[in-house]
Amino acid sequence: MPRRPVVLAPRAEADLDRIASWIADQGTPLTALDYVTRLRSFITSLDQFPERGVDYSRYRPGLRIIAFERRVVIAVVVRAKRVDVQRVFSGGQHWQRVLRLPED
């Protein structure tokens, strides 16, 4: 399976910045840096096997929802030649409502 480039939407970048700021405010900047580094590494790994997670393509073509360390939900759209990271939600956010998906 060929690798696909992973592209973060501006909103996903803003989500990562918000997560880092919140962790730094609650703990330390070093903890925030470590966590977001792990999260970015995971996101980058979506270049291989991006079809992991839960398939929501019945609501939006190519949409997949992927969990990270049980606290983060990543919304991606898998395309033929790339993986678009749409949003990164931290624990407690109503990601289904934001993405206009039916809530389970």
N, C-alpha and C. Protein backbone atom coordinates (compact mmCIF):
# COMPACT_ATOMS: atom_id res chain seq x y z
N MET A 1 0.85 -1.18 0.00
CA MET A 1 0.00 0.00 0.00
C MET A 1 0.90 1.25 0.00
N PRO A 2 0.71 2.15 -0.97
CA PRO A 2 1.54 3.36 -1.01
C PRO A 2 1.18 4.31 0.13
N ARG A 3 2.18 5.04 0.57
CA ARG A 3 1.95 6.03 1.62
C ARG A 3 1.27 7.26 1.03
N ARG A 4 0.44 7.88 1.85
CA ARG A 4 -0.25 9.10 1.43
C ARG A 4 0.21 10.24 2.33
N PRO A 5 0.49 11.40 1.77
CA PRO A 5 0.86 12.52 2.64
C PRO A 5 -0.28 12.87 3.59
N VAL A 6 0.10 13.28 4.78
CA VAL A 6 -0.87 13.70 5.80
C VAL A 6 -0.85 15.22 5.86
N VAL A 7 -2.01 15.84 5.65
CA VAL A 7 -2.12 17.29 5.61
C VAL A 7 -3.05 17.74 6.74
N LEU A 8 -2.56 18.65 7.59
CA LEU A 8 -3.39 19.16 8.68
C LEU A 8 -4.08 20.45 8.24
N ALA A 9 -5.39 20.48 8.40
CA ALA A 9 -6.16 21.69 8.12
C ALA A 9 -5.79 22.75 9.17
N PRO A 10 -5.96 24.02 8.83
CA PRO A 10 -5.69 25.08 9.81
C PRO A 10 -6.42 24.89 11.14
N ARG A 11 -7.67 24.40 11.07
CA ARG A 11 -8.42 24.17 12.33
C ARG A 11 -7.78 23.06 13.16
N ALA A 12 -7.22 22.05 12.50
CA ALA A 12 -6.55 20.97 13.23
C ALA A 12 -5.28 21.51 13.90
N GLU A 13 -4.54 22.37 13.20
CA GLU A 13 -3.35 22.99 13.81
C GLU A 13 -3.76 23.83 15.02
N ALA A 14 -4.84 24.58 14.87
CA ALA A 14 -5.34 25.39 15.99
C ALA A 14 -5.77 24.50 17.16
N ASP A 15 -6.38 23.36 16.85
CA ASP A 15 -6.77 22.41 17.90
C ASP A 15 -5.55 21.91 18.66
N LEU A 16 -4.48 21.59 17.95
CA LEU A 16 -3.25 21.12 18.61
C LEU A 16 -2.66 22.22 19.49
N ASP A 17 -2.67 23.45 19.01
CA ASP A 17 -2.18 24.58 19.83
C ASP A 17 -3.01 24.74 21.09
N ARG A 18 -4.34 24.61 20.95
CA ARG A 18 -5.24 24.76 22.11
C ARG A 18 -4.98 23.65 23.13
N ILE A 19 -4.79 22.42 22.65
CA ILE A 19 -4.51 21.29 23.54
C ILE A 19 -3.19 21.54 24.28
N ALA A 20 -2.17 21.97 23.56
CA ALA A 20 -0.87 22.24 24.18
C ALA A 20 -0.99 23.34 25.23
N SER A 21 -1.72 24.40 24.92
CA SER A 21 -1.88 25.50 25.88
C SER A 21 -2.60 25.04 27.14
N TRP A 22 -3.66 24.23 26.95
CA TRP A 22 -4.41 23.76 28.10
C TRP A 22 -3.53 22.89 29.00
N ILE A 23 -2.78 21.98 28.40
CA ILE A 23 -1.90 21.10 29.20
C ILE A 23 -0.83 21.92 29.90
N ALA A 24 -0.26 22.89 29.21
CA ALA A 24 0.77 23.74 29.83
C ALA A 24 0.20 24.52 31.01
N ASP A 25 -1.05 25.00 30.87
CA ASP A 25 -1.69 25.73 31.98
C ASP A 25 -1.99 24.83 33.17
N GLN A 26 -2.35 23.56 32.90
CA GLN A 26 -2.69 22.62 33.96
C GLN A 26 -1.47 21.95 34.58
N GLY A 27 -0.42 21.82 33.81
CA GLY A 27 0.78 21.12 34.26
C GLY A 27 2.02 21.94 34.00
N THR A 28 2.82 21.47 33.06
CA THR A 28 4.04 22.18 32.71
C THR A 28 4.17 22.25 31.19
N PRO A 29 4.91 23.24 30.70
CA PRO A 29 5.15 23.30 29.25
C PRO A 29 5.85 22.05 28.72
N LEU A 30 6.70 21.44 29.53
CA LEU A 30 7.40 20.23 29.10
C LEU A 30 6.41 19.07 28.90
N THR A 31 5.46 18.94 29.79
CA THR A 31 4.42 17.92 29.66
C THR A 31 3.60 18.16 28.40
N ALA A 32 3.25 19.41 28.16
CA ALA A 32 2.48 19.76 26.96
C ALA A 32 3.26 19.43 25.70
N LEU A 33 4.53 19.77 25.69
CA LEU A 33 5.38 19.49 24.53
C LEU A 33 5.47 17.99 24.27
N ASP A 34 5.67 17.21 25.33
CA ASP A 34 5.77 15.76 25.20
C ASP A 34 4.48 15.17 24.64
N TYR A 35 3.35 15.60 25.18
CA TYR A 35 2.07 15.04 24.74
C TYR A 35 1.78 15.39 23.28
N VAL A 36 1.95 16.66 22.94
CA VAL A 36 1.64 17.08 21.57
C VAL A 36 2.65 16.47 20.58
N THR A 37 3.86 16.25 21.01
CA THR A 37 4.84 15.56 20.15
C THR A 37 4.37 14.14 19.86
N ARG A 38 3.91 13.42 20.88
CA ARG A 38 3.37 12.07 20.68
C ARG A 38 2.14 12.10 19.77
N LEU A 39 1.29 13.07 19.98
CA LEU A 39 0.08 13.20 19.18
C LEU A 39 0.43 13.50 17.72
N ARG A 40 1.36 14.41 17.48
CA ARG A 40 1.78 14.72 16.11
C ARG A 40 2.42 13.50 15.45
N SER A 41 3.18 12.75 16.20
CA SER A 41 3.80 11.54 15.66
C SER A 41 2.73 10.54 15.24
N PHE A 42 1.72 10.39 16.06
CA PHE A 42 0.61 9.50 15.73
C PHE A 42 -0.09 9.97 14.46
N ILE A 43 -0.36 11.26 14.38
CA ILE A 43 -1.03 11.82 13.20
C ILE A 43 -0.18 11.58 11.95
N THR A 44 1.11 11.80 12.05
CA THR A 44 2.00 11.57 10.92
C THR A 44 1.97 10.12 10.48
N SER A 45 1.78 9.20 11.43
CA SER A 45 1.76 7.77 11.10
C SER A 45 0.54 7.37 10.28
N LEU A 46 -0.41 8.28 10.13
CA LEU A 46 -1.60 7.99 9.32
C LEU A 46 -1.26 7.88 7.84
N ASP A 47 -0.02 8.17 7.48
CA ASP A 47 0.38 7.99 6.08
C ASP A 47 0.34 6.52 5.68
N GLN A 48 0.43 5.64 6.66
CA GLN A 48 0.28 4.21 6.43
C GLN A 48 -1.01 3.76 7.11
N PHE A 49 -1.79 3.01 6.42
CA PHE A 49 -3.05 2.47 6.95
C PHE A 49 -3.96 3.55 7.53
N PRO A 50 -4.30 4.56 6.74
CA PRO A 50 -5.17 5.62 7.26
C PRO A 50 -6.61 5.18 7.47
N GLU A 51 -6.95 3.98 7.00
CA GLU A 51 -8.32 3.51 7.14
C GLU A 51 -8.63 2.96 8.53
N ARG A 52 -7.73 3.15 9.48
CA ARG A 52 -8.02 2.68 10.84
C ARG A 52 -9.09 3.55 11.47
N GLY A 53 -9.56 3.16 12.60
CA GLY A 53 -10.61 3.93 13.27
C GLY A 53 -11.99 3.53 12.81
N VAL A 54 -12.95 4.40 13.05
CA VAL A 54 -14.35 4.13 12.73
C VAL A 54 -14.72 4.86 11.44
N ASP A 55 -15.38 4.14 10.56
CA ASP A 55 -15.78 4.67 9.26
C ASP A 55 -17.07 5.47 9.39
N TYR A 56 -17.02 6.75 9.06
CA TYR A 56 -18.20 7.62 9.06
C TYR A 56 -18.50 8.10 7.65
N SER A 57 -18.03 7.37 6.65
CA SER A 57 -18.20 7.82 5.27
C SER A 57 -19.67 7.82 4.82
N ARG A 58 -20.54 7.17 5.57
CA ARG A 58 -21.96 7.23 5.21
C ARG A 58 -22.51 8.63 5.46
N TYR A 59 -21.82 9.44 6.28
CA TYR A 59 -22.24 10.81 6.56
C TYR A 59 -21.44 11.83 5.76
N ARG A 60 -20.18 11.51 5.52
CA ARG A 60 -19.30 12.39 4.76
C ARG A 60 -18.26 11.51 4.07
N PRO A 61 -18.11 11.60 2.75
CA PRO A 61 -17.20 10.71 2.03
C PRO A 61 -15.77 10.72 2.60
N GLY A 62 -15.29 9.51 2.90
CA GLY A 62 -13.92 9.33 3.37
C GLY A 62 -13.67 9.64 4.84
N LEU A 63 -14.69 10.09 5.57
CA LEU A 63 -14.50 10.49 6.97
C LEU A 63 -14.24 9.28 7.86
N ARG A 64 -13.18 9.40 8.67
CA ARG A 64 -12.84 8.38 9.66
C ARG A 64 -12.60 9.10 10.99
N ILE A 65 -12.96 8.45 12.06
CA ILE A 65 -12.73 8.97 13.41
C ILE A 65 -11.76 8.01 14.09
N ILE A 66 -10.67 8.58 14.59
CA ILE A 66 -9.59 7.77 15.16
C ILE A 66 -9.29 8.28 16.57
N ALA A 67 -9.19 7.38 17.52
CA ALA A 67 -8.89 7.75 18.90
C ALA A 67 -7.39 7.70 19.14
N PHE A 68 -6.93 8.58 20.03
CA PHE A 68 -5.54 8.60 20.45
C PHE A 68 -5.50 8.62 21.98
N GLU A 69 -4.89 7.62 22.54
CA GLU A 69 -4.70 7.51 24.00
C GLU A 69 -5.98 7.77 24.80
N ARG A 70 -7.10 7.37 24.27
CA ARG A 70 -8.41 7.42 24.93
C ARG A 70 -8.84 8.82 25.35
N ARG A 71 -8.12 9.86 24.98
CA ARG A 71 -8.49 11.22 25.38
C ARG A 71 -8.66 12.16 24.20
N VAL A 72 -8.23 11.73 23.03
CA VAL A 72 -8.27 12.60 21.86
C VAL A 72 -8.97 11.87 20.72
N VAL A 73 -9.79 12.61 19.99
CA VAL A 73 -10.48 12.09 18.81
C VAL A 73 -9.99 12.90 17.62
N ILE A 74 -9.55 12.18 16.58
CA ILE A 74 -9.03 12.83 15.38
C ILE A 74 -9.98 12.54 14.23
N ALA A 75 -10.44 13.60 13.56
CA ALA A 75 -11.32 13.45 12.40
C ALA A 75 -10.47 13.63 11.15
N VAL A 76 -10.45 12.59 10.32
CA VAL A 76 -9.67 12.65 9.08
C VAL A 76 -10.57 12.30 7.90
N VAL A 77 -10.20 12.82 6.75
CA VAL A 77 -10.84 12.42 5.50
C VAL A 77 -9.77 11.74 4.67
N VAL A 78 -10.00 10.47 4.37
CA VAL A 78 -9.04 9.68 3.59
C VAL A 78 -9.39 9.84 2.12
N ARG A 79 -8.45 10.38 1.40
CA ARG A 79 -8.61 10.58 -0.04
C ARG A 79 -7.69 9.63 -0.78
N ALA A 80 -7.83 9.55 -2.08
CA ALA A 80 -7.04 8.62 -2.89
C ALA A 80 -5.55 8.91 -2.78
N LYS A 81 -5.16 10.19 -2.69
CA LYS A 81 -3.73 10.52 -2.72
C LYS A 81 -3.22 11.22 -1.47
N ARG A 82 -4.09 11.45 -0.48
CA ARG A 82 -3.64 12.10 0.76
C ARG A 82 -4.64 11.84 1.89
N VAL A 83 -4.20 12.19 3.08
CA VAL A 83 -5.04 12.09 4.27
C VAL A 83 -5.17 13.50 4.84
N ASP A 84 -6.39 14.01 4.90
CA ASP A 84 -6.64 15.35 5.42
C ASP A 84 -7.11 15.26 6.87
N VAL A 85 -6.33 15.81 7.77
CA VAL A 85 -6.72 15.86 9.18
C VAL A 85 -7.57 17.11 9.35
N GLN A 86 -8.86 16.89 9.63
CA GLN A 86 -9.81 18.00 9.71
C GLN A 86 -9.82 18.67 11.08
N ARG A 87 -9.89 17.87 12.13
CA ARG A 87 -9.99 18.40 13.50
C ARG A 87 -9.33 17.43 14.46
N VAL A 88 -8.93 17.97 15.63
CA VAL A 88 -8.38 17.18 16.72
C VAL A 88 -9.12 17.63 17.98
N PHE A 89 -9.90 16.73 18.56
CA PHE A 89 -10.74 17.06 19.72
C PHE A 89 -10.15 16.42 20.97
N SER A 90 -10.10 17.19 22.04
CA SER A 90 -9.63 16.64 23.32
C SER A 90 -10.81 16.17 24.14
N GLY A 91 -10.52 15.41 25.18
CA GLY A 91 -11.55 14.80 26.01
C GLY A 91 -12.62 15.78 26.45
N GLY A 92 -13.85 15.33 26.36
CA GLY A 92 -14.96 16.14 26.83
C GLY A 92 -15.61 17.01 25.75
N GLN A 93 -14.95 17.20 24.62
CA GLN A 93 -15.56 17.99 23.57
C GLN A 93 -16.62 17.16 22.85
N HIS A 94 -17.64 17.82 22.39
CA HIS A 94 -18.73 17.14 21.68
C HIS A 94 -18.39 17.10 20.19
N TRP A 95 -17.47 16.22 19.84
CA TRP A 95 -16.99 16.15 18.46
C TRP A 95 -18.09 15.78 17.48
N GLN A 96 -19.02 14.94 17.89
CA GLN A 96 -20.10 14.55 16.99
C GLN A 96 -20.99 15.75 16.64
N ARG A 97 -21.24 16.56 17.63
CA ARG A 97 -22.06 17.76 17.41
C ARG A 97 -21.32 18.74 16.49
N VAL A 98 -20.05 18.95 16.76
CA VAL A 98 -19.25 19.89 15.96
C VAL A 98 -19.19 19.44 14.50
N LEU A 99 -19.03 18.14 14.29
CA LEU A 99 -18.94 17.60 12.93
C LEU A 99 -20.31 17.33 12.31
N ARG A 100 -21.35 17.65 13.06
CA ARG A 100 -22.74 17.44 12.60
C ARG A 100 -23.01 15.97 12.25
N LEU A 101 -22.63 15.12 13.17
CA LEU A 101 -22.86 13.68 13.03
C LEU A 101 -23.87 13.24 14.08
N PRO A 102 -24.60 12.18 13.83
CA PRO A 102 -25.53 11.69 14.85
C PRO A 102 -24.77 11.24 16.08
N GLU A 103 -25.30 11.57 17.23
CA GLU A 103 -24.64 11.16 18.48
C GLU A 103 -25.13 9.79 18.86
N ASP A 104 -24.15 8.94 19.23
CA ASP A 104 -24.47 7.55 19.62
C ASP A 104 -25.11 7.49 20.98
